[in-house]
């Protein structure tokens, strides 16, 4: 199990979104005690600038930009839902798209 994924653990920001990402990333790593592999996908809407800024800042503290090495995979919710919908055109994926992507 990897123990050092951050460049300087003393530099952790006090920003809520970065702390939330950090906490959730740590939680995903804790599961590696019971599993051989795993990773953390952080899904957020493209339009959420606060999340995007948090991801950009958080990535500065990781030891690498390599997602396979850090286990941190930030992804846009919009892309995820559209891809899901493309491969599984069902009622529940339509409802997911309507709920999260079709704003008036």
N, C-alpha and C. Protein backbone atom coordinates (compact mmCIF):
# COMPACT_ATOMS: atom_id res chain seq x y z
N UNK A 1 0.84 -1.18 0.00
CA UNK A 1 0.00 0.00 0.00
C UNK A 1 0.88 1.25 0.00
N UNK A 2 0.55 2.19 -0.84
CA UNK A 2 1.29 3.44 -0.90
C UNK A 2 0.97 4.28 0.33
N UNK A 3 1.98 4.94 0.85
CA UNK A 3 1.74 5.80 2.00
C UNK A 3 2.07 7.26 1.72
N UNK A 4 2.84 7.54 0.69
CA UNK A 4 3.23 8.91 0.40
C UNK A 4 2.76 9.30 -1.00
N UNK A 5 1.63 9.94 -1.07
CA UNK A 5 1.10 10.39 -2.36
C UNK A 5 1.15 11.90 -2.50
N UNK A 6 1.45 12.59 -1.42
CA UNK A 6 1.44 14.05 -1.44
C UNK A 6 2.86 14.58 -1.29
N UNK A 7 3.15 15.68 -1.95
CA UNK A 7 4.50 16.25 -1.95
C UNK A 7 4.92 16.70 -0.56
N UNK A 8 4.10 17.48 0.09
CA UNK A 8 4.43 18.00 1.40
C UNK A 8 3.16 17.99 2.23
N UNK A 9 3.08 17.06 3.14
CA UNK A 9 1.84 16.90 3.89
C UNK A 9 1.56 18.07 4.81
N UNK A 10 2.53 18.94 5.02
CA UNK A 10 2.31 20.13 5.83
C UNK A 10 1.61 21.24 5.05
N UNK A 11 1.55 21.11 3.73
CA UNK A 11 0.98 22.15 2.89
C UNK A 11 -0.52 22.02 2.66
N UNK A 12 -1.17 21.10 3.30
CA UNK A 12 -2.59 20.88 3.04
C UNK A 12 -3.38 22.18 3.23
N UNK A 13 -4.20 22.48 2.28
CA UNK A 13 -4.97 23.70 2.28
C UNK A 13 -6.12 23.63 3.27
N UNK A 14 -6.61 24.77 3.67
CA UNK A 14 -7.76 24.82 4.55
C UNK A 14 -9.05 25.00 3.78
N UNK A 15 -8.99 25.03 2.46
CA UNK A 15 -10.18 25.16 1.62
C UNK A 15 -11.08 23.95 1.80
N UNK A 16 -12.38 24.18 1.97
CA UNK A 16 -13.32 23.09 2.21
C UNK A 16 -13.34 22.06 1.09
N UNK A 17 -13.37 22.50 -0.15
CA UNK A 17 -13.45 21.53 -1.25
C UNK A 17 -12.18 20.70 -1.34
N UNK A 18 -11.03 21.31 -1.13
CA UNK A 18 -9.78 20.55 -1.18
C UNK A 18 -9.69 19.57 -0.01
N UNK A 19 -10.16 19.98 1.15
CA UNK A 19 -10.18 19.08 2.30
C UNK A 19 -11.16 17.94 2.08
N UNK A 20 -12.28 18.24 1.44
CA UNK A 20 -13.26 17.19 1.14
C UNK A 20 -12.66 16.19 0.16
N UNK A 21 -12.00 16.68 -0.87
CA UNK A 21 -11.36 15.79 -1.84
C UNK A 21 -10.29 14.95 -1.13
N UNK A 22 -9.48 15.59 -0.32
CA UNK A 22 -8.41 14.90 0.40
C UNK A 22 -8.99 13.81 1.31
N UNK A 23 -10.01 14.15 2.07
CA UNK A 23 -10.63 13.19 3.00
C UNK A 23 -11.20 11.99 2.23
N UNK A 24 -11.90 12.26 1.13
CA UNK A 24 -12.49 11.18 0.35
C UNK A 24 -11.40 10.33 -0.33
N UNK A 25 -10.34 10.96 -0.76
CA UNK A 25 -9.21 10.23 -1.36
C UNK A 25 -8.59 9.30 -0.31
N UNK A 26 -8.40 9.82 0.90
CA UNK A 26 -7.86 8.99 1.98
C UNK A 26 -8.78 7.80 2.29
N UNK A 27 -10.07 8.05 2.29
CA UNK A 27 -11.03 6.98 2.54
C UNK A 27 -10.91 5.89 1.48
N UNK A 28 -10.76 6.30 0.22
CA UNK A 28 -10.62 5.30 -0.85
C UNK A 28 -9.33 4.50 -0.67
N UNK A 29 -8.27 5.15 -0.23
CA UNK A 29 -7.00 4.45 0.00
C UNK A 29 -7.10 3.48 1.17
N UNK A 30 -7.90 3.81 2.16
CA UNK A 30 -8.07 2.93 3.32
C UNK A 30 -8.66 1.58 2.91
N UNK A 31 -9.43 1.57 1.84
CA UNK A 31 -10.02 0.32 1.37
C UNK A 31 -8.98 -0.62 0.76
N UNK A 32 -7.82 -0.10 0.46
CA UNK A 32 -6.76 -0.94 -0.11
C UNK A 32 -6.21 -1.93 0.91
N UNK A 33 -6.56 -1.76 2.17
CA UNK A 33 -6.18 -2.72 3.20
C UNK A 33 -6.87 -4.07 2.92
N UNK A 34 -8.12 -3.99 2.45
CA UNK A 34 -8.91 -5.19 2.20
C UNK A 34 -8.93 -5.63 0.73
N UNK A 35 -8.46 -4.77 -0.17
CA UNK A 35 -8.52 -5.06 -1.60
C UNK A 35 -7.15 -4.86 -2.23
N UNK A 36 -6.91 -5.58 -3.31
CA UNK A 36 -5.62 -5.48 -3.99
C UNK A 36 -5.45 -4.20 -4.80
N UNK A 37 -6.56 -3.64 -5.24
CA UNK A 37 -6.47 -2.43 -6.05
C UNK A 37 -7.73 -1.60 -5.85
N UNK A 38 -7.63 -0.36 -6.24
CA UNK A 38 -8.75 0.56 -6.12
C UNK A 38 -8.32 1.95 -6.53
N UNK A 39 -9.30 2.83 -6.67
CA UNK A 39 -9.00 4.20 -7.06
C UNK A 39 -10.16 5.10 -6.64
N UNK A 40 -9.95 6.40 -6.71
CA UNK A 40 -10.93 7.38 -6.29
C UNK A 40 -11.36 8.21 -7.50
N UNK A 41 -12.61 8.10 -7.86
CA UNK A 41 -13.18 8.91 -8.95
C UNK A 41 -13.95 10.05 -8.31
N UNK A 42 -13.55 11.27 -8.63
CA UNK A 42 -14.24 12.46 -8.13
C UNK A 42 -15.08 13.02 -9.27
N UNK A 43 -16.39 12.79 -9.22
CA UNK A 43 -17.31 13.25 -10.26
C UNK A 43 -17.89 14.61 -9.88
N UNK A 44 -17.86 15.55 -10.83
CA UNK A 44 -18.42 16.87 -10.57
C UNK A 44 -18.87 17.50 -11.89
N UNK A 45 -19.87 18.36 -11.84
CA UNK A 45 -20.35 19.00 -13.07
C UNK A 45 -19.30 19.94 -13.66
N UNK A 46 -19.21 19.97 -14.99
CA UNK A 46 -18.26 20.87 -15.66
C UNK A 46 -18.47 22.32 -15.25
N UNK A 47 -19.71 22.68 -15.02
CA UNK A 47 -20.03 24.08 -14.71
C UNK A 47 -19.70 24.46 -13.26
N UNK A 48 -19.31 23.50 -12.43
CA UNK A 48 -19.01 23.81 -11.03
C UNK A 48 -17.56 24.26 -10.91
N UNK A 49 -17.37 25.56 -10.99
CA UNK A 49 -16.03 26.15 -10.97
C UNK A 49 -15.32 25.91 -9.64
N UNK A 50 -16.10 25.84 -8.55
CA UNK A 50 -15.49 25.60 -7.24
C UNK A 50 -14.86 24.21 -7.17
N UNK A 51 -15.56 23.22 -7.70
CA UNK A 51 -14.99 21.87 -7.74
C UNK A 51 -13.78 21.82 -8.66
N UNK A 52 -13.88 22.45 -9.82
CA UNK A 52 -12.75 22.44 -10.75
C UNK A 52 -11.53 23.11 -10.14
N UNK A 53 -11.74 24.24 -9.49
CA UNK A 53 -10.63 24.91 -8.81
C UNK A 53 -10.06 24.04 -7.69
N UNK A 54 -10.94 23.38 -6.95
CA UNK A 54 -10.49 22.48 -5.89
C UNK A 54 -9.66 21.33 -6.44
N UNK A 55 -10.10 20.75 -7.54
CA UNK A 55 -9.35 19.66 -8.18
C UNK A 55 -7.99 20.17 -8.65
N UNK A 56 -7.98 21.33 -9.29
CA UNK A 56 -6.72 21.90 -9.79
C UNK A 56 -5.74 22.14 -8.64
N UNK A 57 -6.24 22.67 -7.55
CA UNK A 57 -5.38 22.93 -6.39
C UNK A 57 -4.93 21.63 -5.74
N UNK A 58 -5.86 20.69 -5.57
CA UNK A 58 -5.54 19.42 -4.92
C UNK A 58 -4.45 18.67 -5.68
N UNK A 59 -4.53 18.68 -7.01
CA UNK A 59 -3.56 17.96 -7.83
C UNK A 59 -2.15 18.50 -7.64
N UNK A 60 -2.02 19.76 -7.23
CA UNK A 60 -0.69 20.34 -6.99
C UNK A 60 0.02 19.67 -5.83
N UNK A 61 -0.74 19.07 -4.93
CA UNK A 61 -0.17 18.45 -3.74
C UNK A 61 0.15 16.98 -3.93
N UNK A 62 -0.29 16.40 -5.02
CA UNK A 62 0.00 14.99 -5.28
C UNK A 62 1.45 14.85 -5.77
N UNK A 63 2.03 13.70 -5.53
CA UNK A 63 3.43 13.50 -5.90
C UNK A 63 3.61 13.30 -7.39
N UNK A 64 2.52 13.07 -8.11
CA UNK A 64 2.61 12.77 -9.53
C UNK A 64 1.33 13.21 -10.23
N UNK A 65 1.43 13.48 -11.53
CA UNK A 65 0.24 13.74 -12.33
C UNK A 65 -0.34 12.45 -12.90
N UNK A 66 0.34 11.35 -12.68
CA UNK A 66 -0.07 10.04 -13.18
C UNK A 66 -1.23 9.51 -12.33
N UNK A 67 -2.40 9.42 -12.94
CA UNK A 67 -3.59 8.97 -12.21
C UNK A 67 -3.46 7.55 -11.69
N UNK A 68 -2.79 6.70 -12.45
CA UNK A 68 -2.61 5.31 -12.00
C UNK A 68 -1.74 5.25 -10.74
N UNK A 69 -0.82 6.16 -10.64
CA UNK A 69 0.08 6.18 -9.48
C UNK A 69 -0.63 6.74 -8.24
N UNK A 70 -1.40 7.79 -8.43
CA UNK A 70 -2.06 8.43 -7.28
C UNK A 70 -3.42 7.84 -6.95
N UNK A 71 -4.05 7.19 -7.93
CA UNK A 71 -5.39 6.65 -7.71
C UNK A 71 -6.46 7.73 -7.68
N UNK A 72 -6.14 8.92 -8.17
CA UNK A 72 -7.08 10.05 -8.17
C UNK A 72 -7.51 10.34 -9.60
N UNK A 73 -8.82 10.15 -9.86
CA UNK A 73 -9.37 10.31 -11.21
C UNK A 73 -10.51 11.34 -11.19
N UNK A 74 -10.22 12.61 -11.32
CA UNK A 74 -11.30 13.60 -11.41
C UNK A 74 -11.97 13.52 -12.79
N UNK A 75 -13.28 13.49 -12.80
CA UNK A 75 -14.03 13.40 -14.06
C UNK A 75 -15.27 14.27 -13.99
N UNK A 76 -15.68 14.76 -15.17
CA UNK A 76 -16.89 15.57 -15.24
C UNK A 76 -18.12 14.66 -15.24
N UNK A 77 -19.04 14.99 -14.39
CA UNK A 77 -20.29 14.24 -14.27
C UNK A 77 -21.04 14.23 -15.60
N UNK A 78 -20.99 15.33 -16.31
CA UNK A 78 -21.69 15.47 -17.59
C UNK A 78 -21.21 14.40 -18.58
N UNK A 79 -19.89 14.25 -18.68
CA UNK A 79 -19.32 13.26 -19.60
C UNK A 79 -19.68 11.84 -19.17
N UNK A 80 -19.63 11.61 -17.86
CA UNK A 80 -19.96 10.29 -17.33
C UNK A 80 -21.40 9.90 -17.66
N UNK A 81 -22.33 10.81 -17.41
CA UNK A 81 -23.74 10.52 -17.65
C UNK A 81 -24.00 10.32 -19.14
N UNK A 82 -23.42 11.16 -19.97
CA UNK A 82 -23.63 11.01 -21.42
C UNK A 82 -23.06 9.69 -21.94
N UNK A 83 -21.91 9.30 -21.44
CA UNK A 83 -21.32 8.02 -21.84
C UNK A 83 -22.18 6.86 -21.36
N UNK A 84 -22.63 6.95 -20.13
CA UNK A 84 -23.50 5.92 -19.58
C UNK A 84 -24.77 5.81 -20.41
N UNK A 85 -25.34 6.93 -20.75
CA UNK A 85 -26.57 6.98 -21.53
C UNK A 85 -26.38 6.38 -22.93
N UNK A 86 -25.21 6.65 -23.51
CA UNK A 86 -24.89 6.13 -24.84
C UNK A 86 -24.84 4.60 -24.85
N UNK A 87 -24.34 4.03 -23.76
CA UNK A 87 -24.17 2.58 -23.69
C UNK A 87 -25.35 1.86 -23.03
N UNK A 88 -26.12 2.59 -22.25
CA UNK A 88 -27.26 2.00 -21.54
C UNK A 88 -28.44 2.97 -21.64
N UNK A 89 -29.12 2.94 -22.73
CA UNK A 89 -30.25 3.83 -22.96
C UNK A 89 -31.49 3.25 -22.28
N UNK A 90 -31.59 3.51 -20.98
CA UNK A 90 -32.68 2.96 -20.18
C UNK A 90 -33.40 4.09 -19.45
N UNK A 91 -34.49 3.74 -18.80
CA UNK A 91 -35.25 4.75 -18.05
C UNK A 91 -34.41 5.41 -16.96
N UNK A 92 -33.64 4.61 -16.22
CA UNK A 92 -32.90 5.20 -15.11
C UNK A 92 -31.76 6.10 -15.59
N UNK A 93 -31.14 5.79 -16.75
CA UNK A 93 -30.10 6.68 -17.24
C UNK A 93 -30.71 7.96 -17.82
N UNK A 94 -31.90 7.84 -18.38
CA UNK A 94 -32.62 9.03 -18.85
C UNK A 94 -32.97 9.94 -17.68
N UNK A 95 -33.44 9.34 -16.60
CA UNK A 95 -33.77 10.11 -15.39
C UNK A 95 -32.53 10.77 -14.81
N UNK A 96 -31.43 10.08 -14.83
CA UNK A 96 -30.16 10.63 -14.35
C UNK A 96 -29.76 11.86 -15.18
N UNK A 97 -29.89 11.71 -16.49
CA UNK A 97 -29.57 12.82 -17.40
C UNK A 97 -30.51 14.00 -17.16
N UNK A 98 -31.79 13.75 -17.03
CA UNK A 98 -32.77 14.81 -16.80
C UNK A 98 -32.50 15.52 -15.48
N UNK A 99 -32.16 14.76 -14.46
CA UNK A 99 -31.97 15.35 -13.15
C UNK A 99 -30.72 16.22 -13.07
N UNK A 100 -29.62 15.77 -13.69
CA UNK A 100 -28.36 16.45 -13.51
C UNK A 100 -27.88 17.30 -14.69
N UNK A 101 -28.46 17.08 -15.88
CA UNK A 101 -27.94 17.79 -17.04
C UNK A 101 -28.94 18.70 -17.75
N UNK A 102 -30.20 18.54 -17.48
CA UNK A 102 -31.20 19.35 -18.19
C UNK A 102 -31.77 20.42 -17.27
N UNK A 103 -31.04 21.54 -17.23
CA UNK A 103 -31.47 22.66 -16.40
C UNK A 103 -32.18 23.69 -17.25
N UNK A 104 -33.14 24.36 -16.65
CA UNK A 104 -33.84 25.44 -17.38
C UNK A 104 -33.48 26.78 -16.80
